[in-house]
Amino acid sequence: MKKKIMYTDEPINARVIENFLPSPDDLIFKEKRTKVTLTLSQKSLDFFKNAAKKHGASYQAMIRRLIDYYVVNQRV
């Protein structure tokens, strides 16, 4: 860095904001769930289980998110 930074004694107009972050309870996404029985092909199940293991996730959560994503992106 060839150019030197010159600091001045200009006043800083700042204020402290207390507790501006949401609580951990507000960060948890809660949505009502309903259990269903779903029969998948072995090939599909193997795909989700392998992908989940690779990413350290739950294969059931991956399937749930995939279906949720599909629903949100439908134009009905």
C-alpha atoms as a PDB file:
ATOM      1  CA  MET A   1       0.000   0.000   0.000  1.00  0.00           C
ATOM      2  CA  LYS A   2       1.781   3.134  -1.177  1.00  0.00           C
ATOM      3  CA  LYS A   3      -0.817   5.747  -0.271  1.00  0.00           C
ATOM      4  CA  LYS A   4      -0.955   6.596   3.456  1.00  0.00           C
ATOM      5  CA  ILE A   5      -4.277   7.026   5.207  1.00  0.00           C
ATOM      6  CA  MET A   6      -4.662  10.348   6.992  1.00  0.00           C
ATOM      7  CA  TYR A   7      -6.917  10.154  10.056  1.00  0.00           C
ATOM      8  CA  THR A   8      -8.653  13.237  11.479  1.00  0.00           C
ATOM      9  CA  ASP A   9     -10.412  14.044  14.724  1.00  0.00           C
ATOM     10  CA  GLU A  10     -13.819  14.466  13.104  1.00  0.00           C
ATOM     11  CA  PRO A  11     -16.774  13.620  15.354  1.00  0.00           C
ATOM     12  CA  ILE A  12     -18.566  10.345  14.728  1.00  0.00           C
ATOM     13  CA  ASN A  13     -22.353  10.466  14.938  1.00  0.00           C
ATOM     14  CA  ALA A  14     -23.105   6.961  16.208  1.00  0.00           C
ATOM     15  CA  ARG A  15     -25.406   5.407  18.757  1.00  0.00           C
ATOM     16  CA  VAL A  16     -25.586   2.027  20.448  1.00  0.00           C
ATOM     17  CA  ILE A  17     -28.580  -0.097  19.512  1.00  0.00           C
ATOM     18  CA  GLU A  18     -29.422  -2.572  22.239  1.00  0.00           C
ATOM     19  CA  ASN A  19     -30.820  -6.030  21.394  1.00  0.00           C
ATOM     20  CA  PHE A  20     -31.364  -5.448  17.679  1.00  0.00           C
ATOM     21  CA  LEU A  21     -31.035  -9.114  16.741  1.00  0.00           C
ATOM     22  CA  PRO A  22     -34.070 -11.407  16.888  1.00  0.00           C
ATOM     23  CA  SER A  23     -34.199 -13.998  19.628  1.00  0.00           C
ATOM     24  CA  PRO A  24     -33.215 -17.584  18.734  1.00  0.00           C
ATOM     25  CA  ASP A  25     -36.891 -18.578  19.045  1.00  0.00           C
ATOM     26  CA  ASP A  26     -37.769 -16.091  16.294  1.00  0.00           C
ATOM     27  CA  LEU A  27     -35.189 -17.654  13.980  1.00  0.00           C
ATOM     28  CA  ILE A  28     -36.718 -21.130  14.058  1.00  0.00           C
ATOM     29  CA  PHE A  29     -39.018 -21.727  11.116  1.00  0.00           C
ATOM     30  CA  LYS A  30     -42.009 -23.611  12.432  1.00  0.00           C
ATOM     31  CA  GLU A  31     -44.576 -24.950  10.057  1.00  0.00           C
ATOM     32  CA  LYS A  32     -47.318 -27.462  10.712  1.00  0.00           C
ATOM     33  CA  ARG A  33     -46.368 -30.889   9.405  1.00  0.00           C
ATOM     34  CA  THR A  34     -48.521 -33.859   8.531  1.00  0.00           C
ATOM     35  CA  LYS A  35     -47.124 -37.368   8.347  1.00  0.00           C
ATOM     36  CA  VAL A  36     -47.758 -39.260   5.129  1.00  0.00           C
ATOM     37  CA  THR A  37     -46.683 -42.591   3.737  1.00  0.00           C
ATOM     38  CA  LEU A  38     -44.829 -42.307   0.459  1.00  0.00           C
ATOM     39  CA  THR A  39     -43.555 -45.171  -1.641  1.00  0.00           C
ATOM     40  CA  LEU A  40     -40.478 -44.305  -3.688  1.00  0.00           C
ATOM     41  CA  SER A  41     -38.521 -46.287  -6.229  1.00  0.00           C
ATOM     42  CA  GLN A  42     -35.356 -47.809  -4.824  1.00  0.00           C
ATOM     43  CA  LYS A  43     -33.338 -45.684  -7.241  1.00  0.00           C
ATOM     44  CA  SER A  44     -34.894 -42.456  -5.899  1.00  0.00           C
ATOM     45  CA  LEU A  45     -34.467 -43.487  -2.287  1.00  0.00           C
ATOM     46  CA  ASP A  46     -30.818 -44.434  -2.863  1.00  0.00           C
ATOM     47  CA  PHE A  47     -30.219 -41.054  -4.525  1.00  0.00           C
ATOM     48  CA  PHE A  48     -31.623 -39.085  -1.574  1.00  0.00           C
ATOM     49  CA  LYS A  49     -29.886 -41.227   1.039  1.00  0.00           C
ATOM     50  CA  ASN A  50     -26.507 -40.892  -0.716  1.00  0.00           C
ATOM     51  CA  ALA A  51     -26.926 -37.137  -1.202  1.00  0.00           C
ATOM     52  CA  ALA A  52     -27.973 -36.709   2.423  1.00  0.00           C
ATOM     53  CA  LYS A  53     -25.010 -38.720   3.691  1.00  0.00           C
ATOM     54  CA  LYS A  54     -22.637 -36.699   1.500  1.00  0.00           C
ATOM     55  CA  HIS A  55     -23.950 -33.414   2.920  1.00  0.00           C
ATOM     56  CA  GLY A  56     -24.555 -34.571   6.478  1.00  0.00           C
ATOM     57  CA  ALA A  57     -28.307 -34.028   6.187  1.00  0.00           C
ATOM     58  CA  SER A  58     -31.525 -35.974   6.569  1.00  0.00           C
ATOM     59  CA  TYR A  59     -32.846 -37.586   3.400  1.00  0.00           C
ATOM     60  CA  GLN A  60     -36.405 -37.066   4.630  1.00  0.00           C
ATOM     61  CA  ALA A  61     -35.766 -33.348   5.119  1.00  0.00           C
ATOM     62  CA  MET A  62     -34.283 -33.160   1.611  1.00  0.00           C
ATOM     63  CA  ILE A  63     -37.387 -34.760   0.098  1.00  0.00           C
ATOM     64  CA  ARG A  64     -39.625 -32.449   2.163  1.00  0.00           C
ATOM     65  CA  ARG A  65     -37.719 -29.356   0.986  1.00  0.00           C
ATOM     66  CA  LEU A  66     -37.850 -30.524  -2.614  1.00  0.00           C
ATOM     67  CA  ILE A  67     -41.627 -30.896  -2.442  1.00  0.00           C
ATOM     68  CA  ASP A  68     -41.984 -27.526  -0.670  1.00  0.00           C
ATOM     69  CA  TYR A  69     -39.830 -25.877  -3.349  1.00  0.00           C
ATOM     70  CA  TYR A  70     -41.994 -27.425  -6.062  1.00  0.00           C
ATOM     71  CA  VAL A  71     -45.192 -26.175  -4.412  1.00  0.00           C
ATOM     72  CA  VAL A  72     -43.905 -22.620  -3.959  1.00  0.00           C
ATOM     73  CA  ASN A  73     -42.858 -22.388  -7.593  1.00  0.00           C
ATOM     74  CA  GLN A  74     -46.147 -23.554  -9.118  1.00  0.00           C
ATOM     75  CA  ARG A  75     -48.236 -20.978 -10.893  1.00  0.00           C
ATOM     76  CA  VAL A  76     -51.794 -22.018 -10.161  1.00  0.00           C
END
